Every structure is written in C-alpha cells, then in structure tokens.
Amino acid sequence: MIPLGGYVQMKGQDDKDPTKVSFDTDSYNTKAPWKRIIILFAGPFANFFISLLTLYGNWKYGCDQTLPYYWSNE
C-alpha cells in the first residue's frame, strides 16, 4: 500500500487564528459558494477516479491465473 495524500492549506487560511480572513481576489474566502463546493469535492473525486482507473487496470491487464483457494473446509 502506498500512502498518498497530504495536507493542503487554502490561500487565506490561517490555522493559528481562524477568525483571520484574507480578502485577496484569489483567496478561498472570496470565491463564490459554488466554486468553493467544486474545490472541496475535487479531492475526493480525484481519489475515486484514480481508484476506478486502478481497478480497471487490474481487470484489463491483471493476472490471468486464478489463485488457489486455501480456506476451504475440506
């Protein structure tokens, strides 16, 4: 398992003082609500999309042999 991911700090975000707000034009706080929703869902959507690509790759180009079944009750 390869751990992918990390922490992303939005522009204008200050974890030490959450009440501090940035009013830059490209700051997260000044974006329209629908743009904020798109930004927030982009990360989970990318994870979901990459997992589908990985599953497809395993299905398309994976091993052709079946593995033996070791947990039988025989």
C-alpha atoms as a PDB file:
ATOM      1  CA  MET A   1       0.000   0.000   0.000  1.00  0.00           C
ATOM      2  CA  ILE A   2       1.405   3.362  -0.976  1.00  0.00           C
ATOM      3  CA  PRO A   3       0.151   6.176   1.260  1.00  0.00           C
ATOM      4  CA  LEU A   4      -0.819   9.059  -0.985  1.00  0.00           C
ATOM      5  CA  GLY A   5      -2.280  12.303   0.190  1.00  0.00           C
ATOM      6  CA  GLY A   6      -1.345  15.233   2.258  1.00  0.00           C
ATOM      7  CA  TYR A   7      -2.466  18.423   3.847  1.00  0.00           C
ATOM      8  CA  VAL A   8      -3.438  21.358   1.674  1.00  0.00           C
ATOM      9  CA  GLN A   9      -3.799  24.817   3.110  1.00  0.00           C
ATOM     10  CA  MET A  10      -6.112  27.109   1.185  1.00  0.00           C
ATOM     11  CA  LYS A  11      -4.855  30.570   0.374  1.00  0.00           C
ATOM     12  CA  GLY A  12      -6.093  32.884   3.084  1.00  0.00           C
ATOM     13  CA  GLN A  13      -6.407  30.102   5.672  1.00  0.00           C
ATOM     14  CA  ASP A  14      -4.662  30.652   8.991  1.00  0.00           C
ATOM     15  CA  ASP A  15      -4.872  27.722  11.418  1.00  0.00           C
ATOM     16  CA  LYS A  16      -3.392  29.702  14.286  1.00  0.00           C
ATOM     17  CA  ASP A  17      -6.094  32.373  14.040  1.00  0.00           C
ATOM     18  CA  PRO A  18      -9.283  31.003  12.375  1.00  0.00           C
ATOM     19  CA  THR A  19     -11.021  34.381  12.624  1.00  0.00           C
ATOM     20  CA  LYS A  20      -8.422  35.992  10.361  1.00  0.00           C
ATOM     21  CA  VAL A  21      -9.853  36.378   6.853  1.00  0.00           C
ATOM     22  CA  SER A  22      -7.949  37.205   3.665  1.00  0.00           C
ATOM     23  CA  PHE A  23      -9.674  39.378   1.090  1.00  0.00           C
ATOM     24  CA  ASP A  24      -7.296  38.747  -1.822  1.00  0.00           C
ATOM     25  CA  THR A  25      -9.087  38.218  -5.131  1.00  0.00           C
ATOM     26  CA  ASP A  26      -7.749  34.661  -5.469  1.00  0.00           C
ATOM     27  CA  SER A  27      -8.311  33.699  -1.839  1.00  0.00           C
ATOM     28  CA  TYR A  28     -10.604  30.779  -0.994  1.00  0.00           C
ATOM     29  CA  ASN A  29     -12.739  33.003   1.241  1.00  0.00           C
ATOM     30  CA  THR A  30     -13.652  35.365  -1.591  1.00  0.00           C
ATOM     31  CA  LYS A  31     -14.821  32.639  -4.004  1.00  0.00           C
ATOM     32  CA  ALA A  32     -18.489  32.137  -4.749  1.00  0.00           C
ATOM     33  CA  PRO A  33     -20.141  29.302  -2.784  1.00  0.00           C
ATOM     34  CA  TRP A  34     -20.493  27.095  -5.872  1.00  0.00           C
ATOM     35  CA  LYS A  35     -16.763  27.468  -6.594  1.00  0.00           C
ATOM     36  CA  ARG A  36     -15.944  26.517  -3.004  1.00  0.00           C
ATOM     37  CA  ILE A  37     -18.079  23.391  -3.344  1.00  0.00           C
ATOM     38  CA  ILE A  38     -16.219  22.417  -6.529  1.00  0.00           C
ATOM     39  CA  ILE A  39     -12.870  22.961  -4.795  1.00  0.00           C
ATOM     40  CA  LEU A  40     -13.900  20.849  -1.804  1.00  0.00           C
ATOM     41  CA  PHE A  41     -15.224  17.955  -3.905  1.00  0.00           C
ATOM     42  CA  ALA A  42     -12.255  17.923  -6.305  1.00  0.00           C
ATOM     43  CA  GLY A  43     -10.021  15.981  -3.891  1.00  0.00           C
ATOM     44  CA  PRO A  44     -12.432  13.124  -3.089  1.00  0.00           C
ATOM     45  CA  PHE A  45     -13.464  12.934  -6.748  1.00  0.00           C
ATOM     46  CA  ALA A  46      -9.817  12.583  -7.794  1.00  0.00           C
ATOM     47  CA  ASN A  47      -9.356   9.759  -5.257  1.00  0.00           C
ATOM     48  CA  PHE A  48     -12.472   8.000  -6.545  1.00  0.00           C
ATOM     49  CA  PHE A  49     -11.411   8.432 -10.182  1.00  0.00           C
ATOM     50  CA  ILE A  50      -7.890   7.115  -9.541  1.00  0.00           C
ATOM     51  CA  SER A  51      -9.317   4.091  -7.720  1.00  0.00           C
ATOM     52  CA  LEU A  52     -11.578   3.341 -10.699  1.00  0.00           C
ATOM     53  CA  LEU A  53      -8.603   3.619 -13.057  1.00  0.00           C
ATOM     54  CA  THR A  54      -6.622   1.271 -10.832  1.00  0.00           C
ATOM     55  CA  LEU A  55      -9.451  -1.274 -10.722  1.00  0.00           C
ATOM     56  CA  TYR A  56      -9.874  -1.055 -14.479  1.00  0.00           C
ATOM     57  CA  GLY A  57      -6.141  -1.549 -14.997  1.00  0.00           C
ATOM     58  CA  ASN A  58      -6.177  -4.596 -12.730  1.00  0.00           C
ATOM     59  CA  TRP A  59      -9.158  -6.013 -14.596  1.00  0.00           C
ATOM     60  CA  LYS A  60      -7.783  -5.299 -18.061  1.00  0.00           C
ATOM     61  CA  TYR A  61      -4.094  -6.097 -17.592  1.00  0.00           C
ATOM     62  CA  GLY A  62      -4.105  -8.146 -14.401  1.00  0.00           C
ATOM     63  CA  CYS A  63      -3.011 -11.705 -13.816  1.00  0.00           C
ATOM     64  CA  ASP A  64      -4.775 -14.337 -15.925  1.00  0.00           C
ATOM     65  CA  GLN A  65      -4.244 -17.147 -13.428  1.00  0.00           C
ATOM     66  CA  THR A  66      -6.655 -17.826 -10.635  1.00  0.00           C
ATOM     67  CA  LEU A  67      -5.153 -18.156  -7.198  1.00  0.00           C
ATOM     68  CA  PRO A  68      -5.715 -21.379  -5.261  1.00  0.00           C
ATOM     69  CA  TYR A  69      -8.393 -21.331  -2.630  1.00  0.00           C
ATOM     70  CA  TYR A  70      -6.645 -22.047   0.682  1.00  0.00           C
ATOM     71  CA  TRP A  71      -9.522 -21.531   3.092  1.00  0.00           C
ATOM     72  CA  SER A  72     -11.707 -24.432   2.106  1.00  0.00           C
ATOM     73  CA  ASN A  73     -13.399 -26.630   4.690  1.00  0.00           C
ATOM     74  CA  GLU A  74     -12.104 -29.858   3.165  1.00  0.00           C
END
